[in-house]
PDB file of N, CA and C in Angstrom:
ATOM      1  N   MET A   1      36.738 161.357 144.606  1.00  0.00           N
ATOM      2  CA  MET A   1      36.758 160.265 143.745  1.00  0.00           C
ATOM      3  C   MET A   1      38.117 159.529 143.613  1.00  0.00           C
ATOM      4  N   ASN A   2      38.073 158.151 143.440  1.00  0.00           N
ATOM      5  CA  ASN A   2      39.198 157.383 143.246  1.00  0.00           C
ATOM      6  C   ASN A   2      39.407 157.000 141.720  1.00  0.00           C
ATOM      7  N   PHE A   3      40.577 157.271 141.303  1.00  0.00           N
ATOM      8  CA  PHE A   3      40.841 156.915 139.822  1.00  0.00           C
ATOM      9  C   PHE A   3      42.142 156.057 139.696  1.00  0.00           C
ATOM     10  N   VAL A   4      42.182 155.472 138.607  1.00  0.00           N
ATOM     11  CA  VAL A   4      43.386 154.835 138.142  1.00  0.00           C
ATOM     12  C   VAL A   4      43.946 155.358 136.687  1.00  0.00           C
ATOM     13  N   ILE A   5      45.095 155.823 136.668  1.00  0.00           N
ATOM     14  CA  ILE A   5      45.730 156.282 135.560  1.00  0.00           C
ATOM     15  C   ILE A   5      46.655 155.345 135.015  1.00  0.00           C
ATOM     16  N   GLU A   6      46.572 154.790 133.704  1.00  0.00           N
ATOM     17  CA  GLU A   6      47.375 153.888 133.204  1.00  0.00           C
ATOM     18  C   GLU A   6      48.003 154.452 131.984  1.00  0.00           C
ATOM     19  N   PHE A   7      49.366 154.363 131.936  1.00  0.00           N
ATOM     20  CA  PHE A   7      50.111 154.723 130.686  1.00  0.00           C
ATOM     21  C   PHE A   7      50.621 153.529 130.006  1.00  0.00           C
ATOM     22  N   TYR A   8      50.513 153.490 128.595  1.00  0.00           N
ATOM     23  CA  TYR A   8      50.753 152.280 127.893  1.00  0.00           C
ATOM     24  C   TYR A   8      51.272 152.603 126.471  1.00  0.00           C
ATOM     25  N   ARG A   9      52.045 151.652 125.964  1.00  0.00           N
ATOM     26  CA  ARG A   9      52.366 151.544 124.545  1.00  0.00           C
ATOM     27  C   ARG A   9      51.335 150.881 123.685  1.00  0.00           C
ATOM     28  N   LEU A  10      51.222 151.387 122.520  1.00  0.00           N
ATOM     29  CA  LEU A  10      50.184 150.736 121.680  1.00  0.00           C
ATOM     30  C   LEU A  10      50.987 150.415 120.450  1.00  0.00           C
ATOM     31  N   ARG A  11      50.775 149.065 119.927  1.00  0.00           N
ATOM     32  CA  ARG A  11      51.338 148.506 118.748  1.00  0.00           C
ATOM     33  C   ARG A  11      50.401 148.589 117.629  1.00  0.00           C
ATOM     34  N   ASP A  12      50.847 149.325 116.621  1.00  0.00           N
ATOM     35  CA  ASP A  12      50.033 149.653 115.406  1.00  0.00           C
ATOM     36  C   ASP A  12      49.530 148.406 114.703  1.00  0.00           C
ATOM     37  N   GLU A  13      50.355 147.321 114.504  1.00  0.00           N
ATOM     38  CA  GLU A  13      50.055 146.254 113.748  1.00  0.00           C
ATOM     39  C   GLU A  13      48.744 145.472 114.170  1.00  0.00           C
ATOM     40  N   ASP A  14      48.604 145.355 115.534  1.00  0.00           N
ATOM     41  CA  ASP A  14      47.468 144.662 115.911  1.00  0.00           C
ATOM     42  C   ASP A  14      46.671 145.247 117.125  1.00  0.00           C
ATOM     43  N   GLY A  15      47.232 146.443 117.525  1.00  0.00           N
ATOM     44  CA  GLY A  15      46.416 147.220 118.492  1.00  0.00           C
ATOM     45  C   GLY A  15      46.699 146.724 120.007  1.00  0.00           C
ATOM     46  N   ALA A  16      47.611 145.764 120.080  1.00  0.00           N
ATOM     47  CA  ALA A  16      47.999 145.398 121.454  1.00  0.00           C
ATOM     48  C   ALA A  16      48.592 146.444 122.209  1.00  0.00           C
ATOM     49  N   HIS A  17      48.370 146.328 123.537  1.00  0.00           N
ATOM     50  CA  HIS A  17      49.215 147.331 124.321  1.00  0.00           C
ATOM     51  C   HIS A  17      49.811 146.806 125.474  1.00  0.00           C
ATOM     52  N   ALA A  18      50.789 147.418 125.889  1.00  0.00           N
ATOM     53  CA  ALA A  18      51.778 147.013 127.052  1.00  0.00           C
ATOM     54  C   ALA A  18      51.715 148.181 128.079  1.00  0.00           C
ATOM     55  N   THR A  19      51.307 147.916 129.431  1.00  0.00           N
ATOM     56  CA  THR A  19      51.269 148.874 130.424  1.00  0.00           C
ATOM     57  C   THR A  19      52.578 149.197 130.975  1.00  0.00           C
ATOM     58  N   LEU A  20      52.941 150.472 130.942  1.00  0.00           N
ATOM     59  CA  LEU A  20      54.319 151.030 131.367  1.00  0.00           C
ATOM     60  C   LEU A  20      54.175 151.488 132.830  1.00  0.00           C
ATOM     61  N   ASP A  21      53.021 152.019 133.333  1.00  0.00           N
ATOM     62  CA  ASP A  21      52.872 152.445 134.702  1.00  0.00           C
ATOM     63  C   ASP A  21      51.332 152.482 134.809  1.00  0.00           C
ATOM     64  N   ARG A  22      51.053 152.332 136.125  1.00  0.00           N
ATOM     65  CA  ARG A  22      49.731 152.532 136.655  1.00  0.00           C
ATOM     66  C   ARG A  22      49.811 153.263 137.934  1.00  0.00           C
ATOM     67  N   VAL A  23      48.935 154.357 138.059  1.00  0.00           N
ATOM     68  CA  VAL A  23      48.990 155.147 139.313  1.00  0.00           C
ATOM     69  C   VAL A  23      47.467 155.239 139.843  1.00  0.00           C
ATOM     70  N   SER A  24      47.387 155.020 141.160  1.00  0.00           N
ATOM     71  CA  SER A  24      46.083 155.113 141.755  1.00  0.00           C
ATOM     72  C   SER A  24      46.137 156.525 142.419  1.00  0.00           C
ATOM     73  N   LEU A  25      44.971 157.159 142.411  1.00  0.00           N
ATOM     74  CA  LEU A  25      45.018 158.650 143.077  1.00  0.00           C
ATOM     75  C   LEU A  25      43.612 158.984 143.414  1.00  0.00           C
ATOM     76  N   GLU A  26      43.417 159.773 144.400  1.00  0.00           N
ATOM     77  CA  GLU A  26      42.170 160.430 144.736  1.00  0.00           C
ATOM     78  C   GLU A  26      42.161 161.837 144.288  1.00  0.00           C
ATOM     79  N   ALA A  27      41.177 162.198 143.625  1.00  0.00           N
ATOM     80  CA  ALA A  27      41.017 163.564 143.034  1.00  0.00           C
ATOM     81  C   ALA A  27      39.461 163.917 143.176  1.00  0.00           C
ATOM     82  N   PRO A  28      39.158 165.320 143.259  1.00  0.00           N
ATOM     83  CA  PRO A  28      37.847 165.606 143.390  1.00  0.00           C
ATOM     84  C   PRO A  28      36.893 165.320 142.155  1.00  0.00           C
ATOM     85  N   ASP A  29      37.519 165.273 141.018  1.00  0.00           N
ATOM     86  CA  ASP A  29      36.613 165.124 139.774  1.00  0.00           C
ATOM     87  C   ASP A  29      37.559 164.630 138.681  1.00  0.00           C
ATOM     88  N   ILE A  30      37.051 164.272 137.467  1.00  0.00           N
ATOM     89  CA  ILE A  30      37.744 163.745 136.377  1.00  0.00           C
ATOM     90  C   ILE A  30      38.690 164.818 135.835  1.00  0.00           C
ATOM     91  N   ASP A  31      38.324 166.011 135.810  1.00  0.00           N
ATOM     92  CA  ASP A  31      39.174 167.118 135.322  1.00  0.00           C
ATOM     93  C   ASP A  31      40.458 167.234 136.177  1.00  0.00           C
ATOM     94  N   ALA A  32      40.396 167.059 137.501  1.00  0.00           N
ATOM     95  CA  ALA A  32      41.486 167.119 138.314  1.00  0.00           C
ATOM     96  C   ALA A  32      42.404 165.876 137.935  1.00  0.00           C
ATOM     97  N   ALA A  33      41.745 164.725 137.716  1.00  0.00           N
ATOM     98  CA  ALA A  33      42.484 163.567 137.420  1.00  0.00           C
ATOM     99  C   ALA A  33      43.285 163.739 136.109  1.00  0.00           C
ATOM    100  N   VAL A  34      42.726 164.339 135.177  1.00  0.00           N
ATOM    101  CA  VAL A  34      43.176 164.661 133.773  1.00  0.00           C
ATOM    102  C   VAL A  34      44.441 165.671 134.056  1.00  0.00           C
ATOM    103  N   ASP A  35      44.458 166.548 134.862  1.00  0.00           N
ATOM    104  CA  ASP A  35      45.486 167.360 135.201  1.00  0.00           C
ATOM    105  C   ASP A  35      46.598 166.644 135.750  1.00  0.00           C
ATOM    106  N   VAL A  36      46.392 165.669 136.573  1.00  0.00           N
ATOM    107  CA  VAL A  36      47.395 164.890 137.235  1.00  0.00           C
ATOM    108  C   VAL A  36      48.109 164.011 136.229  1.00  0.00           C
ATOM    109  N   ALA A  37      47.262 163.390 135.265  1.00  0.00           N
ATOM    110  CA  ALA A  37      47.806 162.510 134.227  1.00  0.00           C
ATOM    111  C   ALA A  37      48.741 163.379 133.328  1.00  0.00           C
ATOM    112  N   SER A  38      48.530 164.613 132.972  1.00  0.00           N
ATOM    113  CA  SER A  38      49.231 165.322 132.176  1.00  0.00           C
ATOM    114  C   SER A  38      50.559 165.595 132.885  1.00  0.00           C
ATOM    115  N   SER A  39      50.475 165.900 134.210  1.00  0.00           N
ATOM    116  CA  SER A  39      51.784 166.180 135.071  1.00  0.00           C
ATOM    117  C   SER A  39      52.607 164.984 135.039  1.00  0.00           C
ATOM    118  N   LEU A  40      51.801 163.799 135.338  1.00  0.00           N
ATOM    119  CA  LEU A  40      52.768 162.579 135.455  1.00  0.00           C
ATOM    120  C   LEU A  40      53.414 162.097 134.136  1.00  0.00           C
ATOM    121  N   PHE A  41      52.844 162.477 133.049  1.00  0.00           N
ATOM    122  CA  PHE A  41      53.456 162.025 131.777  1.00  0.00           C
ATOM    123  C   PHE A  41      54.911 162.745 131.694  1.00  0.00           C
ATOM    124  N   HIS A  42      55.066 164.018 132.239  1.00  0.00           N
ATOM    125  CA  HIS A  42      56.330 164.674 132.340  1.00  0.00           C
ATOM    126  C   HIS A  42      57.309 164.347 133.448  1.00  0.00           C
ATOM    127  N   THR A  43      56.703 163.636 134.545  1.00  0.00           N
ATOM    128  CA  THR A  43      57.535 163.517 135.673  1.00  0.00           C
ATOM    129  C   THR A  43      57.896 162.034 136.129  1.00  0.00           C
ATOM    130  N   LEU A  44      57.003 161.059 135.691  1.00  0.00           N
ATOM    131  CA  LEU A  44      57.183 159.673 135.934  1.00  0.00           C
ATOM    132  C   LEU A  44      58.370 159.100 135.157  1.00  0.00           C
ATOM    133  N   ALA A  45      59.264 158.348 135.858  1.00  0.00           N
ATOM    134  CA  ALA A  45      60.456 157.646 135.137  1.00  0.00           C
ATOM    135  C   ALA A  45      59.862 156.225 134.560  1.00  0.00           C
ATOM    136  N   MET A  46      59.455 156.366 133.223  1.00  0.00           N
ATOM    137  CA  MET A  46      58.792 155.039 132.669  1.00  0.00           C
ATOM    138  C   MET A  46      59.955 154.539 131.803  1.00  0.00           C
ATOM    139  N   PRO A  47      59.998 152.999 131.676  1.00  0.00           N
ATOM    140  CA  PRO A  47      61.017 152.336 130.756  1.00  0.00           C
ATOM    141  C   PRO A  47      60.937 152.769 129.414  1.00  0.00           C
ATOM    142  N   GLN A  48      59.779 153.283 128.887  1.00  0.00           N
ATOM    143  CA  GLN A  48      59.700 153.801 127.496  1.00  0.00           C
ATOM    144  C   GLN A  48      58.732 155.002 127.465  1.00  0.00           C
ATOM    145  N   VAL A  49      58.657 155.648 126.452  1.00  0.00           N
ATOM    146  CA  VAL A  49      57.585 156.730 126.342  1.00  0.00           C
ATOM    147  C   VAL A  49      56.377 156.246 125.980  1.00  0.00           C
ATOM    148  N   PRO A  50      55.290 156.523 126.732  1.00  0.00           N
ATOM    149  CA  PRO A  50      53.905 155.901 126.527  1.00  0.00           C
ATOM    150  C   PRO A  50      53.356 156.626 125.200  1.00  0.00           C
ATOM    151  N   ASP A  51      52.475 155.913 124.584  1.00  0.00           N
ATOM    152  CA  ASP A  51      51.644 156.392 123.523  1.00  0.00           C
ATOM    153  C   ASP A  51      50.317 156.810 123.829  1.00  0.00           C
ATOM    154  N   GLN A  52      49.816 156.175 124.809  1.00  0.00           N
ATOM    155  CA  GLN A  52      48.294 156.402 125.335  1.00  0.00           C
ATOM    156  C   GLN A  52      48.154 156.546 126.798  1.00  0.00           C
ATOM    157  N   VAL A  53      47.178 157.199 127.256  1.00  0.00           N
ATOM    158  CA  VAL A  53      46.847 157.357 128.673  1.00  0.00           C
ATOM    159  C   VAL A  53      45.465 156.930 128.770  1.00  0.00           C
ATOM    160  N   ARG A  54      45.011 156.248 129.820  1.00  0.00           N
ATOM    161  CA  ARG A  54      43.758 155.876 130.248  1.00  0.00           C
ATOM    162  C   ARG A  54      43.373 156.165 131.625  1.00  0.00           C
ATOM    163  N   ILE A  55      42.195 156.692 131.786  1.00  0.00           N
ATOM    164  CA  ILE A  55      41.734 157.036 133.125  1.00  0.00           C
ATOM    165  C   ILE A  55      40.452 156.201 133.407  1.00  0.00           C
ATOM    166  N   CYS A  56      40.345 155.475 134.489  1.00  0.00           N
ATOM    167  CA  CYS A  56      39.315 154.679 134.912  1.00  0.00           C
ATOM    168  C   CYS A  56      38.968 155.056 136.344  1.00  0.00           C
ATOM    169  N   ASP A  57      37.648 154.634 136.610  1.00  0.00           N
ATOM    170  CA  ASP A  57      37.341 154.749 138.095  1.00  0.00           C
ATOM    171  C   ASP A  57      37.641 153.495 138.676  1.00  0.00           C
ATOM    172  N   TRP A  58      37.603 153.452 139.923  1.00  0.00           N
ATOM    173  CA  TRP A  58      37.867 152.196 140.730  1.00  0.00           C
ATOM    174  C   TRP A  58      37.246 150.957 140.339  1.00  0.00           C
ATOM    175  N   GLY A  59      36.081 151.102 139.743  1.00  0.00           N
ATOM    176  CA  GLY A  59      35.269 149.975 139.231  1.00  0.00           C
ATOM    177  C   GLY A  59      35.777 149.513 137.801  1.00  0.00           C
ATOM    178  N   GLY A  60      36.721 150.100 137.352  1.00  0.00           N
ATOM    179  CA  GLY A  60      37.176 149.784 136.103  1.00  0.00           C
ATOM    180  C   GLY A  60      36.684 150.409 134.746  1.00  0.00           C
ATOM    181  N   ARG A  61      35.685 151.257 135.063  1.00  0.00           N
ATOM    182  CA  ARG A  61      34.957 151.872 134.019  1.00  0.00           C
ATOM    183  C   ARG A  61      35.882 152.978 133.422  1.00  0.00           C
ATOM    184  N   GLN A  62      36.093 152.852 132.191  1.00  0.00           N
ATOM    185  CA  GLN A  62      37.009 153.763 131.356  1.00  0.00           C
ATOM    186  C   GLN A  62      36.294 155.176 131.231  1.00  0.00           C
ATOM    187  N   LEU A  63      37.000 156.182 131.667  1.00  0.00           N
ATOM    188  CA  LEU A  63      36.344 157.545 131.660  1.00  0.00           C
ATOM    189  C   LEU A  63      37.141 158.285 130.521  1.00  0.00           C
ATOM    190  N   TYR A  64      38.316 158.199 130.352  1.00  0.00           N
ATOM    191  CA  TYR A  64      39.207 158.884 129.321  1.00  0.00           C
ATOM    192  C   TYR A  64      40.115 158.118 128.757  1.00  0.00           C
ATOM    193  N   VAL A  65      40.508 158.292 127.453  1.00  0.00           N
ATOM    194  CA  VAL A  65      41.600 157.677 126.874  1.00  0.00           C
ATOM    195  C   VAL A  65      42.127 158.551 125.755  1.00  0.00           C
ATOM    196  N   GLY A  66      43.416 158.514 125.567  1.00  0.00           N
ATOM    197  CA  GLY A  66      43.885 159.457 124.422  1.00  0.00           C
ATOM    198  C   GLY A  66      45.439 159.329 124.339  1.00  0.00           C
ATOM    199  N   PRO A  67      45.890 160.135 123.483  1.00  0.00           N
ATOM    200  CA  PRO A  67      47.436 160.227 123.274  1.00  0.00           C
ATOM    201  C   PRO A  67      48.088 160.757 124.642  1.00  0.00           C
ATOM    202  N   ALA A  68      49.249 160.057 125.010  1.00  0.00           N
ATOM    203  CA  ALA A  68      49.906 160.485 126.221  1.00  0.00           C
ATOM    204  C   ALA A  68      50.961 161.397 125.746  1.00  0.00           C
ATOM    205  N   SER A  69      50.463 162.658 125.263  1.00  0.00           N
ATOM    206  CA  SER A  69      51.458 163.680 124.943  1.00  0.00           C
ATOM    207  C   SER A  69      51.598 164.824 125.861  1.00  0.00           C
ATOM    208  N   GLY A  70      51.112 164.587 127.016  1.00  0.00           N
ATOM    209  CA  GLY A  70      51.172 165.595 128.017  1.00  0.00           C
ATOM    210  C   GLY A  70      50.021 166.545 127.880  1.00  0.00           C
ATOM    211  N   THR A  71      49.195 166.390 126.938  1.00  0.00           N
ATOM    212  CA  THR A  71      47.889 167.338 126.810  1.00  0.00           C
ATOM    213  C   THR A  71      46.670 166.400 127.179  1.00  0.00           C
ATOM    214  N   GLU A  72      45.544 167.157 127.388  1.00  0.00           N
ATOM    215  CA  GLU A  72      44.393 166.536 127.871  1.00  0.00           C
ATOM    216  C   GLU A  72      43.995 165.349 127.059  1.00  0.00           C
ATOM    217  N   PRO A  73      43.677 164.130 127.580  1.00  0.00           N
ATOM    218  CA  PRO A  73      43.171 163.104 126.814  1.00  0.00           C
ATOM    219  C   PRO A  73      41.852 163.338 126.334  1.00  0.00           C
ATOM    220  N   THR A  74      41.395 162.535 125.340  1.00  0.00           N
ATOM    221  CA  THR A  74      40.167 162.841 124.564  1.00  0.00           C
ATOM    222  C   THR A  74      39.073 161.701 125.205  1.00  0.00           C
ATOM    223  N   THR A  75      37.916 162.242 125.137  1.00  0.00           N
ATOM    224  CA  THR A  75      36.760 161.243 125.800  1.00  0.00           C
ATOM    225  C   THR A  75      36.784 160.070 124.961  1.00  0.00           C
ATOM    226  N   SER A  76      36.383 158.997 125.683  1.00  0.00           N
ATOM    227  CA  SER A  76      36.303 157.710 124.959  1.00  0.00           C
ATOM    228  C   SER A  76      34.868 157.442 124.625  1.00  0.00           C
TER     229      SER A  76
END
């Protein structure tokens, strides 16, 4: 399956978010994509530390969203 992982900052005042990095990847399933997202949190050189991570399929359907702490995101 093809996935898009997006790391972003979340502004508390109004919920606005700014994308820091977006990565496309092919993985066998969503669990593998979650593992990649956790790994990328620690290895990507982003301009700021992300607050949230979102994983979507190539059609744009959001599959997972949660804190970008390097742990598994929570189901949306």
